[in-house]
Amino acid sequence: MQLGAFSVSLAVKDIEASKQFYEKLGFAVFHGDQAQNWLILKNGDTVIGLFQGMFENNILTFNPGWNQNAETLSEFTDVRELQRQLKAQGITMMTEADELTTGPASFVIADPDGNTILIDQHV
């Protein structure tokens, strides 16, 4: 099962302080809008998102249809198909993608320890 590009979405208290901290670790802003309280940073192939005031806890994020540079892949498993496969394996959905749609969609699951996993397709 290919889930797409991986990143960790961090719930931060002060986006500027967090940005400065991660820049010291070699990360550089790759995408986002600090005025809207979200930034995506990269260090090599490692991607993190900084999100202030958008959610309570950190989230593991996968983006079907993208590589680590947010470039669209020519072939990928659609988010709705991933959802069907996971539901067939007994995974409970916290939120679901509308299976009657195409294009961008997302769903959320949690691992056995309660860690949130977002499968978020942008293409």
PDB file of N, CA and C in Angstrom:
ATOM      1  N   MET A   1       0.851  -1.171   0.000  1.00  0.00           N
ATOM      2  CA  MET A   1       0.000   0.000   0.000  1.00  0.00           C
ATOM      3  C   MET A   1       0.899   1.237   0.000  1.00  0.00           C
ATOM      4  N   GLN A   2       0.764   2.071  -1.006  1.00  0.00           N
ATOM      5  CA  GLN A   2       1.536   3.310  -1.110  1.00  0.00           C
ATOM      6  C   GLN A   2       0.679   4.483  -0.650  1.00  0.00           C
ATOM      7  N   LEU A   3       1.084   5.131   0.433  1.00  0.00           N
ATOM      8  CA  LEU A   3       0.297   6.211   1.015  1.00  0.00           C
ATOM      9  C   LEU A   3       0.679   7.591   0.495  1.00  0.00           C
ATOM     10  N   GLY A   4       1.797   7.696  -0.203  1.00  0.00           N
ATOM     11  CA  GLY A   4       2.231   8.988  -0.732  1.00  0.00           C
ATOM     12  C   GLY A   4       3.285   9.645   0.126  1.00  0.00           C
ATOM     13  N   ALA A   5       3.519  10.919  -0.153  1.00  0.00           N
ATOM     14  CA  ALA A   5       4.546  11.684   0.561  1.00  0.00           C
ATOM     15  C   ALA A   5       4.225  11.723   2.051  1.00  0.00           C
ATOM     16  N   PHE A   6       5.266  11.650   2.873  1.00  0.00           N
ATOM     17  CA  PHE A   6       5.091  11.642   4.326  1.00  0.00           C
ATOM     18  C   PHE A   6       5.623  12.929   4.931  1.00  0.00           C
ATOM     19  N   SER A   7       4.898  13.434   5.919  1.00  0.00           N
ATOM     20  CA  SER A   7       5.381  14.548   6.732  1.00  0.00           C
ATOM     21  C   SER A   7       4.771  14.436   8.122  1.00  0.00           C
ATOM     22  N   VAL A   8       5.361  15.161   9.037  1.00  0.00           N
ATOM     23  CA  VAL A   8       4.804  15.282  10.372  1.00  0.00           C
ATOM     24  C   VAL A   8       4.251  16.687  10.489  1.00  0.00           C
ATOM     25  N   SER A   9       2.981  16.786  10.844  1.00  0.00           N
ATOM     26  CA  SER A   9       2.334  18.078  11.039  1.00  0.00           C
ATOM     27  C   SER A   9       2.374  18.392  12.524  1.00  0.00           C
ATOM     28  N   LEU A  10       3.102  19.444  12.876  1.00  0.00           N
ATOM     29  CA  LEU A  10       3.297  19.796  14.276  1.00  0.00           C
ATOM     30  C   LEU A  10       2.345  20.901  14.707  1.00  0.00           C
ATOM     31  N   ALA A  11       1.641  20.684  15.801  1.00  0.00           N
ATOM     32  CA  ALA A  11       0.798  21.713  16.402  1.00  0.00           C
ATOM     33  C   ALA A  11       1.716  22.586  17.254  1.00  0.00           C
ATOM     34  N   VAL A  12       1.965  23.806  16.802  1.00  0.00           N
ATOM     35  CA  VAL A  12       2.918  24.685  17.489  1.00  0.00           C
ATOM     36  C   VAL A  12       2.194  25.836  18.181  1.00  0.00           C
ATOM     37  N   LYS A  13       2.827  26.368  19.228  1.00  0.00           N
ATOM     38  CA  LYS A  13       2.251  27.488  19.976  1.00  0.00           C
ATOM     39  C   LYS A  13       2.636  28.832  19.372  1.00  0.00           C
ATOM     40  N   ASP A  14       3.846  28.918  18.811  1.00  0.00           N
ATOM     41  CA  ASP A  14       4.352  30.172  18.239  1.00  0.00           C
ATOM     42  C   ASP A  14       5.066  29.819  16.942  1.00  0.00           C
ATOM     43  N   ILE A  15       4.406  30.065  15.822  1.00  0.00           N
ATOM     44  CA  ILE A  15       4.941  29.618  14.532  1.00  0.00           C
ATOM     45  C   ILE A  15       6.290  30.264  14.210  1.00  0.00           C
ATOM     46  N   GLU A  16       6.478  31.518  14.570  1.00  0.00           N
ATOM     47  CA  GLU A  16       7.754  32.186  14.296  1.00  0.00           C
ATOM     48  C   GLU A  16       8.877  31.548  15.107  1.00  0.00           C
ATOM     49  N   ALA A  17       8.646  31.294  16.386  1.00  0.00           N
ATOM     50  CA  ALA A  17       9.665  30.653  17.227  1.00  0.00           C
ATOM     51  C   ALA A  17       9.987  29.255  16.693  1.00  0.00           C
ATOM     52  N   SER A  18       8.945  28.505  16.302  1.00  0.00           N
ATOM     53  CA  SER A  18       9.167  27.155  15.767  1.00  0.00           C
ATOM     54  C   SER A  18       9.922  27.209  14.449  1.00  0.00           C
ATOM     55  N   LYS A  19       9.555  28.151  13.577  1.00  0.00           N
ATOM     56  CA  LYS A  19      10.258  28.297  12.289  1.00  0.00           C
ATOM     57  C   LYS A  19      11.738  28.570  12.533  1.00  0.00           C
ATOM     58  N   GLN A  20      12.023  29.504  13.416  1.00  0.00           N
ATOM     59  CA  GLN A  20      13.426  29.833  13.706  1.00  0.00           C
ATOM     60  C   GLN A  20      14.179  28.634  14.276  1.00  0.00           C
ATOM     61  N   PHE A  21      13.534  27.871  15.153  1.00  0.00           N
ATOM     62  CA  PHE A  21      14.155  26.685  15.730  1.00  0.00           C
ATOM     63  C   PHE A  21      14.495  25.671  14.647  1.00  0.00           C
ATOM     64  N   TYR A  22      13.512  25.334  13.794  1.00  0.00           N
ATOM     65  CA  TYR A  22      13.754  24.310  12.780  1.00  0.00           C
ATOM     66  C   TYR A  22      14.718  24.790  11.698  1.00  0.00           C
ATOM     67  N   GLU A  23      14.781  26.080  11.442  1.00  0.00           N
ATOM     68  CA  GLU A  23      15.788  26.603  10.512  1.00  0.00           C
ATOM     69  C   GLU A  23      17.195  26.365  11.063  1.00  0.00           C
ATOM     70  N   LYS A  24      17.352  26.437  12.381  1.00  0.00           N
ATOM     71  CA  LYS A  24      18.653  26.145  13.005  1.00  0.00           C
ATOM     72  C   LYS A  24      19.031  24.683  12.825  1.00  0.00           C
ATOM     73  N   LEU A  25      18.018  23.816  12.637  1.00  0.00           N
ATOM     74  CA  LEU A  25      18.281  22.395  12.393  1.00  0.00           C
ATOM     75  C   LEU A  25      18.484  22.087  10.908  1.00  0.00           C
ATOM     76  N   GLY A  26      18.470  23.119  10.068  1.00  0.00           N
ATOM     77  CA  GLY A  26      18.717  22.933   8.646  1.00  0.00           C
ATOM     78  C   GLY A  26      17.475  22.885   7.779  1.00  0.00           C
ATOM     79  N   PHE A  27      16.308  23.095   8.358  1.00  0.00           N
ATOM     80  CA  PHE A  27      15.079  23.127   7.568  1.00  0.00           C
ATOM     81  C   PHE A  27      14.920  24.494   6.916  1.00  0.00           C
ATOM     82  N   ALA A  28      14.276  24.514   5.761  1.00  0.00           N
ATOM     83  CA  ALA A  28      13.977  25.762   5.055  1.00  0.00           C
ATOM     84  C   ALA A  28      12.506  25.750   4.662  1.00  0.00           C
ATOM     85  N   VAL A  29      11.891  26.924   4.682  1.00  0.00           N
ATOM     86  CA  VAL A  29      10.483  27.032   4.296  1.00  0.00           C
ATOM     87  C   VAL A  29      10.344  26.614   2.846  1.00  0.00           C
ATOM     88  N   PHE A  30       9.413  25.706   2.601  1.00  0.00           N
ATOM     89  CA  PHE A  30       9.174  25.127   1.287  1.00  0.00           C
ATOM     90  C   PHE A  30       7.847  25.608   0.708  1.00  0.00           C
ATOM     91  N   HIS A  31       6.871  25.828   1.585  1.00  0.00           N
ATOM     92  CA  HIS A  31       5.535  26.203   1.152  1.00  0.00           C
ATOM     93  C   HIS A  31       4.783  26.736   2.368  1.00  0.00           C
ATOM     94  N   GLY A  32       3.673  27.382   2.139  1.00  0.00           N
ATOM     95  CA  GLY A  32       2.826  27.810   3.234  1.00  0.00           C
ATOM     96  C   GLY A  32       2.635  29.311   3.290  1.00  0.00           C
ATOM     97  N   ASP A  33       1.967  29.762   4.332  1.00  0.00           N
ATOM     98  CA  ASP A  33       1.662  31.170   4.530  1.00  0.00           C
ATOM     99  C   ASP A  33       1.689  31.443   6.029  1.00  0.00           C
ATOM    100  N   GLN A  34       2.760  32.053   6.482  1.00  0.00           N
ATOM    101  CA  GLN A  34       2.907  32.299   7.914  1.00  0.00           C
ATOM    102  C   GLN A  34       1.791  33.200   8.439  1.00  0.00           C
ATOM    103  N   ALA A  35       1.286  34.125   7.623  1.00  0.00           N
ATOM    104  CA  ALA A  35       0.176  34.991   8.037  1.00  0.00           C
ATOM    105  C   ALA A  35      -1.089  34.177   8.317  1.00  0.00           C
ATOM    106  N   GLN A  36      -1.210  32.996   7.687  1.00  0.00           N
ATOM    107  CA  GLN A  36      -2.339  32.097   7.943  1.00  0.00           C
ATOM    108  C   GLN A  36      -1.984  31.027   8.979  1.00  0.00           C
ATOM    109  N   ASN A  37      -0.806  31.155   9.587  1.00  0.00           N
ATOM    110  CA  ASN A  37      -0.335  30.271  10.662  1.00  0.00           C
ATOM    111  C   ASN A  37      -0.018  28.852  10.220  1.00  0.00           C
ATOM    112  N   TRP A  38       0.496  28.685   8.975  1.00  0.00           N
ATOM    113  CA  TRP A  38       0.964  27.370   8.572  1.00  0.00           C
ATOM    114  C   TRP A  38       2.155  27.502   7.628  1.00  0.00           C
ATOM    115  N   LEU A  39       3.144  26.650   7.828  1.00  0.00           N
ATOM    116  CA  LEU A  39       4.340  26.593   6.987  1.00  0.00           C
ATOM    117  C   LEU A  39       4.742  25.138   6.792  1.00  0.00           C
ATOM    118  N   ILE A  40       5.289  24.832   5.618  1.00  0.00           N
ATOM    119  CA  ILE A  40       5.867  23.522   5.339  1.00  0.00           C
ATOM    120  C   ILE A  40       7.371  23.743   5.170  1.00  0.00           C
ATOM    121  N   LEU A  41       8.161  22.964   5.878  1.00  0.00           N
ATOM    122  CA  LEU A  41       9.615  23.086   5.839  1.00  0.00           C
ATOM    123  C   LEU A  41      10.230  21.769   5.391  1.00  0.00           C
ATOM    124  N   LYS A  42      11.395  21.875   4.734  1.00  0.00           N
ATOM    125  CA  LYS A  42      12.108  20.681   4.275  1.00  0.00           C
ATOM    126  C   LYS A  42      13.561  20.735   4.702  1.00  0.00           C
ATOM    127  N   ASN A  43      14.108  19.555   4.938  1.00  0.00           N
ATOM    128  CA  ASN A  43      15.534  19.358   5.142  1.00  0.00           C
ATOM    129  C   ASN A  43      15.843  18.065   4.393  1.00  0.00           C
ATOM    130  N   GLY A  44      16.409  18.192   3.189  1.00  0.00           N
ATOM    131  CA  GLY A  44      16.578  17.028   2.333  1.00  0.00           C
ATOM    132  C   GLY A  44      15.207  16.516   1.937  1.00  0.00           C
ATOM    133  N   ASP A  45      14.950  15.220   2.159  1.00  0.00           N
ATOM    134  CA  ASP A  45      13.639  14.637   1.855  1.00  0.00           C
ATOM    135  C   ASP A  45      12.687  14.675   3.048  1.00  0.00           C
ATOM    136  N   THR A  46      13.151  15.207   4.176  1.00  0.00           N
ATOM    137  CA  THR A  46      12.332  15.250   5.375  1.00  0.00           C
ATOM    138  C   THR A  46      11.443  16.483   5.350  1.00  0.00           C
ATOM    139  N   VAL A  47      10.148  16.279   5.567  1.00  0.00           N
ATOM    140  CA  VAL A  47       9.171  17.362   5.499  1.00  0.00           C
ATOM    141  C   VAL A  47       8.428  17.446   6.827  1.00  0.00           C
ATOM    142  N   ILE A  48       8.323  18.678   7.353  1.00  0.00           N
ATOM    143  CA  ILE A  48       7.497  18.921   8.528  1.00  0.00           C
ATOM    144  C   ILE A  48       6.582  20.102   8.227  1.00  0.00           C
ATOM    145  N   GLY A  49       5.431  20.075   8.828  1.00  0.00           N
ATOM    146  CA  GLY A  49       4.515  21.202   8.744  1.00  0.00           C
ATOM    147  C   GLY A  49       4.368  21.831  10.110  1.00  0.00           C
ATOM    148  N   LEU A  50       4.356  23.152  10.154  1.00  0.00           N
ATOM    149  CA  LEU A  50       4.116  23.882  11.395  1.00  0.00           C
ATOM    150  C   LEU A  50       2.735  24.504  11.295  1.00  0.00           C
ATOM    151  N   PHE A  51       1.880  24.216  12.259  1.00  0.00           N
ATOM    152  CA  PHE A  51       0.497  24.688  12.238  1.00  0.00           C
ATOM    153  C   PHE A  51       0.150  25.274  13.598  1.00  0.00           C
ATOM    154  N   GLN A  52      -0.099  26.575  13.636  1.00  0.00           N
ATOM    155  CA  GLN A  52      -0.443  27.246  14.887  1.00  0.00           C
ATOM    156  C   GLN A  52      -1.951  27.431  14.979  1.00  0.00           C
ATOM    157  N   GLY A  53      -2.538  26.872  16.045  1.00  0.00           N
ATOM    158  CA  GLY A  53      -3.950  27.069  16.312  1.00  0.00           C
ATOM    159  C   GLY A  53      -4.897  26.300  15.410  1.00  0.00           C
ATOM    160  N   MET A  54      -4.414  25.306  14.690  1.00  0.00           N
ATOM    161  CA  MET A  54      -5.271  24.576  13.759  1.00  0.00           C
ATOM    162  C   MET A  54      -5.723  23.221  14.292  1.00  0.00           C
ATOM    163  N   PHE A  55      -4.937  22.604  15.155  1.00  0.00           N
ATOM    164  CA  PHE A  55      -5.309  21.334  15.758  1.00  0.00           C
ATOM    165  C   PHE A  55      -4.545  21.168  17.060  1.00  0.00           C
ATOM    166  N   GLU A  56      -5.029  20.250  17.916  1.00  0.00           N
ATOM    167  CA  GLU A  56      -4.466  20.087  19.254  1.00  0.00           C
ATOM    168  C   GLU A  56      -3.149  19.324  19.294  1.00  0.00           C
ATOM    169  N   ASN A  57      -3.077  18.241  18.545  1.00  0.00           N
ATOM    170  CA  ASN A  57      -1.932  17.340  18.646  1.00  0.00           C
ATOM    171  C   ASN A  57      -1.199  17.229  17.317  1.00  0.00           C
ATOM    172  N   ASN A  58      -0.003  16.682  17.388  1.00  0.00           N
ATOM    173  CA  ASN A  58       0.769  16.416  16.181  1.00  0.00           C
ATOM    174  C   ASN A  58       0.068  15.335  15.358  1.00  0.00           C
ATOM    175  N   ILE A  59       0.273  15.386  14.037  1.00  0.00           N
ATOM    176  CA  ILE A  59      -0.394  14.458  13.125  1.00  0.00           C
ATOM    177  C   ILE A  59       0.623  13.876  12.152  1.00  0.00           C
ATOM    178  N   LEU A  60       0.559  12.571  11.924  1.00  0.00           N
ATOM    179  CA  LEU A  60       1.315  11.949  10.840  1.00  0.00           C
ATOM    180  C   LEU A  60       0.501  12.177   9.577  1.00  0.00           C
ATOM    181  N   THR A  61       1.120  12.724   8.540  1.00  0.00           N
ATOM    182  CA  THR A  61       0.390  13.080   7.321  1.00  0.00           C
ATOM    183  C   THR A  61       0.977  12.355   6.115  1.00  0.00           C
ATOM    184  N   PHE A  62       0.092  11.808   5.291  1.00  0.00           N
ATOM    185  CA  PHE A  62       0.473  11.187   4.030  1.00  0.00           C
ATOM    186  C   PHE A  62      -0.316  11.866   2.920  1.00  0.00           C
ATOM    187  N   ASN A  63       0.350  12.127   1.792  1.00  0.00           N
ATOM    188  CA  ASN A  63      -0.289  12.789   0.657  1.00  0.00           C
ATOM    189  C   ASN A  63      -0.236  11.899  -0.585  1.00  0.00           C
ATOM    190  N   PRO A  64      -1.290  11.088  -0.821  1.00  0.00           N
ATOM    191  CA  PRO A  64      -1.345  10.296  -2.055  1.00  0.00           C
ATOM    192  C   PRO A  64      -1.268  11.221  -3.269  1.00  0.00           C
ATOM    193  N   GLY A  65      -0.511  10.779  -4.275  1.00  0.00           N
ATOM    194  CA  GLY A  65      -0.401  11.557  -5.507  1.00  0.00           C
ATOM    195  C   GLY A  65       0.759  12.518  -5.537  1.00  0.00           C
ATOM    196  N   TRP A  66       1.481  12.648  -4.421  1.00  0.00           N
ATOM    197  CA  TRP A  66       2.637  13.549  -4.351  1.00  0.00           C
ATOM    198  C   TRP A  66       3.897  12.790  -3.983  1.00  0.00           C
ATOM    199  N   ASN A  67       5.029  13.294  -4.487  1.00  0.00           N
ATOM    200  CA  ASN A  67       6.323  12.848  -3.978  1.00  0.00           C
ATOM    201  C   ASN A  67       6.739  13.818  -2.865  1.00  0.00           C
ATOM    202  N   GLN A  68       7.931  13.648  -2.321  1.00  0.00           N
ATOM    203  CA  GLN A  68       8.383  14.475  -1.199  1.00  0.00           C
ATOM    204  C   GLN A  68       8.589  15.944  -1.585  1.00  0.00           C
ATOM    205  N   ASN A  69       8.567  16.273  -2.870  1.00  0.00           N
ATOM    206  CA  ASN A  69       8.687  17.664  -3.318  1.00  0.00           C
ATOM    207  C   ASN A  69       7.335  18.257  -3.694  1.00  0.00           C
ATOM    208  N   ALA A  70       6.255  17.599  -3.309  1.00  0.00           N
ATOM    209  CA  ALA A  70       4.881  18.023  -3.621  1.00  0.00           C
ATOM    210  C   ALA A  70       4.646  18.093  -5.121  1.00  0.00           C
ATOM    211  N   GLU A  71       5.322  17.208  -5.848  1.00  0.00           N
ATOM    212  CA  GLU A  71       5.118  17.094  -7.295  1.00  0.00           C
ATOM    213  C   GLU A  71       4.148  15.941  -7.546  1.00  0.00           C
ATOM    214  N   THR A  72       3.228  16.162  -8.477  1.00  0.00           N
ATOM    215  CA  THR A  72       2.215  15.161  -8.774  1.00  0.00           C
ATOM    216  C   THR A  72       2.831  13.936  -9.431  1.00  0.00           C
ATOM    217  N   LEU A  73       2.447  12.773  -8.932  1.00  0.00           N
ATOM    218  CA  LEU A  73       2.909  11.504  -9.487  1.00  0.00           C
ATOM    219  C   LEU A  73       2.005  11.101 -10.652  1.00  0.00           C
ATOM    220  N   SER A  74       2.582  10.435 -11.645  1.00  0.00           N
ATOM    221  CA  SER A  74       1.775   9.991 -12.783  1.00  0.00           C
ATOM    222  C   SER A  74       0.856   8.837 -12.400  1.00  0.00           C
ATOM    223  N   GLU A  75       1.271   8.027 -11.441  1.00  0.00           N
ATOM    224  CA  GLU A  75       0.450   6.909 -10.969  1.00  0.00           C
ATOM    225  C   GLU A  75       0.473   6.897  -9.452  1.00  0.00           C
ATOM    226  N   PHE A  76      -0.707   6.721  -8.864  1.00  0.00           N
ATOM    227  CA  PHE A  76      -0.813   6.623  -7.414  1.00  0.00           C
ATOM    228  C   PHE A  76      -2.158   6.008  -7.064  1.00  0.00           C
ATOM    229  N   THR A  77      -2.270   5.525  -5.845  1.00  0.00           N
ATOM    230  CA  THR A  77      -3.532   4.975  -5.366  1.00  0.00           C
ATOM    231  C   THR A  77      -4.365   6.109  -4.798  1.00  0.00           C
ATOM    232  N   ASP A  78      -5.575   6.282  -5.332  1.00  0.00           N
ATOM    233  CA  ASP A  78      -6.472   7.342  -4.902  1.00  0.00           C
ATOM    234  C   ASP A  78      -6.848   7.176  -3.434  1.00  0.00           C
ATOM    235  N   VAL A  79      -7.044   8.287  -2.757  1.00  0.00           N
ATOM    236  CA  VAL A  79      -7.370   8.297  -1.335  1.00  0.00           C
ATOM    237  C   VAL A  79      -8.620   7.472  -1.025  1.00  0.00           C
ATOM    238  N   ARG A  80      -9.600   7.482  -1.923  1.00  0.00           N
ATOM    239  CA  ARG A  80     -10.826   6.711  -1.695  1.00  0.00           C
ATOM    240  C   ARG A  80     -10.561   5.205  -1.753  1.00  0.00           C
ATOM    241  N   GLU A  81      -9.648   4.786  -2.627  1.00  0.00           N
ATOM    242  CA  GLU A  81      -9.263   3.381  -2.694  1.00  0.00           C
ATOM    243  C   GLU A  81      -8.485   2.986  -1.438  1.00  0.00           C
ATOM    244  N   LEU A  82      -7.598   3.841  -0.971  1.00  0.00           N
ATOM    245  CA  LEU A  82      -6.877   3.562   0.275  1.00  0.00           C
ATOM    246  C   LEU A  82      -7.867   3.407   1.428  1.00  0.00           C
ATOM    247  N   GLN A  83      -8.854   4.278   1.472  1.00  0.00           N
ATOM    248  CA  GLN A  83      -9.877   4.205   2.508  1.00  0.00           C
ATOM    249  C   GLN A  83     -10.625   2.876   2.445  1.00  0.00           C
ATOM    250  N   ARG A  84     -11.023   2.453   1.243  1.00  0.00           N
ATOM    251  CA  ARG A  84     -11.726   1.168   1.087  1.00  0.00           C
ATOM    252  C   ARG A  84     -10.866   0.011   1.581  1.00  0.00           C
ATOM    253  N   GLN A  85      -9.581   0.030   1.211  1.00  0.00           N
ATOM    254  CA  GLN A  85      -8.682  -1.048   1.621  1.00  0.00           C
ATOM    255  C   GLN A  85      -8.531  -1.100   3.136  1.00  0.00           C
ATOM    256  N   LEU A  86      -8.376   0.062   3.763  1.00  0.00           N
ATOM    257  CA  LEU A  86      -8.198   0.096   5.214  1.00  0.00           C
ATOM    258  C   LEU A  86      -9.475  -0.312   5.948  1.00  0.00           C
ATOM    259  N   LYS A  87     -10.629   0.128   5.458  1.00  0.00           N
ATOM    260  CA  LYS A  87     -11.899  -0.269   6.071  1.00  0.00           C
ATOM    261  C   LYS A  87     -12.089  -1.776   5.952  1.00  0.00           C
ATOM    262  N   ALA A  88     -11.693  -2.363   4.826  1.00  0.00           N
ATOM    263  CA  ALA A  88     -11.807  -3.804   4.624  1.00  0.00           C
ATOM    264  C   ALA A  88     -10.934  -4.577   5.616  1.00  0.00           C
ATOM    265  N   GLN A  89      -9.872  -3.916   6.110  1.00  0.00           N
ATOM    266  CA  GLN A  89      -8.987  -4.537   7.093  1.00  0.00           C
ATOM    267  C   GLN A  89      -9.422  -4.241   8.527  1.00  0.00           C
ATOM    268  N   GLY A  90     -10.563  -3.588   8.675  1.00  0.00           N
ATOM    269  CA  GLY A  90     -11.094  -3.331  10.006  1.00  0.00           C
ATOM    270  C   GLY A  90     -10.637  -2.034  10.654  1.00  0.00           C
ATOM    271  N   ILE A  91      -9.980  -1.171   9.897  1.00  0.00           N
ATOM    272  CA  ILE A  91      -9.553   0.128  10.437  1.00  0.00           C
ATOM    273  C   ILE A  91     -10.782   1.035  10.537  1.00  0.00           C
ATOM    274  N   THR A  92     -10.966   1.655  11.674  1.00  0.00           N
ATOM    275  CA  THR A  92     -12.079   2.573  11.898  1.00  0.00           C
ATOM    276  C   THR A  92     -11.687   3.982  11.451  1.00  0.00           C
ATOM    277  N   MET A  93     -12.568   4.604  10.711  1.00  0.00           N
ATOM    278  CA  MET A  93     -12.346   5.966  10.222  1.00  0.00           C
ATOM    279  C   MET A  93     -12.832   6.979  11.261  1.00  0.00           C
ATOM    280  N   MET A  94     -12.021   8.007  11.516  1.00  0.00           N
ATOM    281  CA  MET A  94     -12.464   9.127  12.351  1.00  0.00           C
ATOM    282  C   MET A  94     -13.241  10.118  11.483  1.00  0.00           C
ATOM    283  N   THR A  95     -12.744  10.342  10.282  1.00  0.00           N
ATOM    284  CA  THR A  95     -13.465  11.087   9.247  1.00  0.00           C
ATOM    285  C   THR A  95     -13.260  10.313   7.960  1.00  0.00           C
ATOM    286  N   GLU A  96     -14.162  10.507   6.996  1.00  0.00           N
ATOM    287  CA  GLU A  96     -14.081   9.747   5.754  1.00  0.00           C
ATOM    288  C   GLU A  96     -14.093  10.649   4.538  1.00  0.00           C
ATOM    289  N   ALA A  97     -13.422  10.184   3.485  1.00  0.00           N
ATOM    290  CA  ALA A  97     -13.506  10.824   2.175  1.00  0.00           C
ATOM    291  C   ALA A  97     -14.817  10.384   1.535  1.00  0.00           C
ATOM    292  N   ASP A  98     -15.443  11.285   0.805  1.00  0.00           N
ATOM    293  CA  ASP A  98     -16.678  10.960   0.083  1.00  0.00           C
ATOM    294  C   ASP A  98     -16.299  10.095  -1.112  1.00  0.00           C
ATOM    295  N   GLU A  99     -16.722   8.848  -1.099  1.00  0.00           N
ATOM    296  CA  GLU A  99     -16.340   7.908  -2.153  1.00  0.00           C
ATOM    297  C   GLU A  99     -17.043   8.170  -3.477  1.00  0.00           C
ATOM    298  N   LEU A 100     -17.981   9.094  -3.509  1.00  0.00           N
ATOM    299  CA  LEU A 100     -18.677   9.437  -4.759  1.00  0.00           C
ATOM    300  C   LEU A 100     -17.996  10.576  -5.502  1.00  0.00           C
ATOM    301  N   THR A 101     -16.911  11.096  -4.938  1.00  0.00           N
ATOM    302  CA  THR A 101     -16.210  12.223  -5.557  1.00  0.00           C
ATOM    303  C   THR A 101     -14.914  11.761  -6.204  1.00  0.00           C
ATOM    304  N   THR A 102     -14.252  12.669  -6.901  1.00  0.00           N
ATOM    305  CA  THR A 102     -12.909  12.453  -7.439  1.00  0.00           C
ATOM    306  C   THR A 102     -12.056  13.653  -7.048  1.00  0.00           C
ATOM    307  N   GLY A 103     -10.751  13.523  -7.238  1.00  0.00           N
ATOM    308  CA  GLY A 103      -9.857  14.639  -6.938  1.00  0.00           C
ATOM    309  C   GLY A 103      -9.523  14.734  -5.458  1.00  0.00           C
ATOM    310  N   PRO A 104      -9.224  15.953  -5.001  1.00  0.00           N
ATOM    311  CA  PRO A 104      -8.802  16.134  -3.612  1.00  0.00           C
ATOM    312  C   PRO A 104      -9.828  15.608  -2.609  1.00  0.00           C
ATOM    313  N   ALA A 105      -9.320  14.939  -1.576  1.00  0.00           N
ATOM    314  CA  ALA A 105     -10.148  14.406  -0.499  1.00  0.00           C
ATOM    315  C   ALA A 105      -9.220  13.923   0.605  1.00  0.00           C
ATOM    316  N   SER A 106      -9.798  13.648   1.757  1.00  0.00           N
ATOM    317  CA  SER A 106      -8.976  13.171   2.869  1.00  0.00           C
ATOM    318  C   SER A 106      -9.809  12.319   3.813  1.00  0.00           C
ATOM    319  N   PHE A 107      -9.089  11.555   4.638  1.00  0.00           N
ATOM    320  CA  PHE A 107      -9.711  10.844   5.744  1.00  0.00           C
ATOM    321  C   PHE A 107      -8.727  10.807   6.887  1.00  0.00           C
ATOM    322  N   VAL A 108      -9.251  10.536   8.080  1.00  0.00           N
ATOM    323  CA  VAL A 108      -8.425  10.517   9.288  1.00  0.00           C
ATOM    324  C   VAL A 108      -8.671   9.210  10.027  1.00  0.00           C
ATOM    325  N   ILE A 109      -7.565   8.611  10.480  1.00  0.00           N
ATOM    326  CA  ILE A 109      -7.619   7.419  11.315  1.00  0.00           C
ATOM    327  C   ILE A 109      -6.714   7.664  12.523  1.00  0.00           C
ATOM    328  N   ALA A 110      -6.757   6.764  13.477  1.00  0.00           N
ATOM    329  CA  ALA A 110      -5.851   6.834  14.625  1.00  0.00           C
ATOM    330  C   ALA A 110      -5.225   5.468  14.825  1.00  0.00           C
ATOM    331  N   ASP A 111      -3.963   5.475  15.257  1.00  0.00           N
ATOM    332  CA  ASP A 111      -3.305   4.201  15.550  1.00  0.00           C
ATOM    333  C   ASP A 111      -3.754   3.718  16.934  1.00  0.00           C
ATOM    334  N   PRO A 112      -3.333   2.521  17.363  1.00  0.00           N
ATOM    335  CA  PRO A 112      -3.808   1.984  18.644  1.00  0.00           C
ATOM    336  C   PRO A 112      -3.485   2.858  19.857  1.00  0.00           C
ATOM    337  N   ASP A 113      -2.491   3.755  19.720  1.00  0.00           N
ATOM    338  CA  ASP A 113      -2.129   4.641  20.825  1.00  0.00           C
ATOM    339  C   ASP A 113      -2.804   6.000  20.736  1.00  0.00           C
ATOM    340  N   GLY A 114      -3.684   6.171  19.743  1.00  0.00           N
ATOM    341  CA  GLY A 114      -4.404   7.423  19.610  1.00  0.00           C
ATOM    342  C   GLY A 114      -3.714   8.478  18.772  1.00  0.00           C
ATOM    343  N   ASN A 115      -2.591   8.124  18.151  1.00  0.00           N
ATOM    344  CA  ASN A 115      -1.908   9.075  17.273  1.00  0.00           C
ATOM    345  C   ASN A 115      -2.730   9.269  16.007  1.00  0.00           C
ATOM    346  N   THR A 116      -2.953  10.514  15.644  1.00  0.00           N
ATOM    347  CA  THR A 116      -3.777  10.837  14.481  1.00  0.00           C
ATOM    348  C   THR A 116      -2.972  10.692  13.204  1.00  0.00           C
ATOM    349  N   ILE A 117      -3.606  10.077  12.190  1.00  0.00           N
ATOM    350  CA  ILE A 117      -2.994   9.907  10.877  1.00  0.00           C
ATOM    351  C   ILE A 117      -3.956  10.495   9.850  1.00  0.00           C
ATOM    352  N   LEU A 118      -3.465  11.483   9.114  1.00  0.00           N
ATOM    353  CA  LEU A 118      -4.243  12.153   8.072  1.00  0.00           C
ATOM    354  C   LEU A 118      -3.762  11.674   6.713  1.00  0.00           C
ATOM    355  N   ILE A 119      -4.676  11.162   5.901  1.00  0.00           N
ATOM    356  CA  ILE A 119      -4.392  10.806   4.523  1.00  0.00           C
ATOM    357  C   ILE A 119      -5.075  11.900   3.689  1.00  0.00           C
ATOM    358  N   ASP A 120      -4.261  12.777   3.106  1.00  0.00           N
ATOM    359  CA  ASP A 120      -4.747  14.038   2.530  1.00  0.00           C
ATOM    360  C   ASP A 120      -4.281  14.171   1.085  1.00  0.00           C
ATOM    361  N   GLN A 121      -5.166  13.883   0.152  1.00  0.00           N
ATOM    362  CA  GLN A 121      -4.845  13.952  -1.279  1.00  0.00           C
ATOM    363  C   GLN A 121      -5.198  15.335  -1.816  1.00  0.00           C
ATOM    364  N   HIS A 122      -4.238  15.967  -2.481  1.00  0.00           N
ATOM    365  CA  HIS A 122      -4.429  17.318  -3.023  1.00  0.00           C
ATOM    366  C   HIS A 122      -4.652  17.346  -4.526  1.00  0.00           C
ATOM    367  N   VAL A 123      -4.518  16.198  -5.186  1.00  0.00           N
ATOM    368  CA  VAL A 123      -4.664  16.150  -6.656  1.00  0.00           C
ATOM    369  C   VAL A 123      -5.854  15.316  -7.053  1.00  0.00           C
TER     370      VAL A 123
END
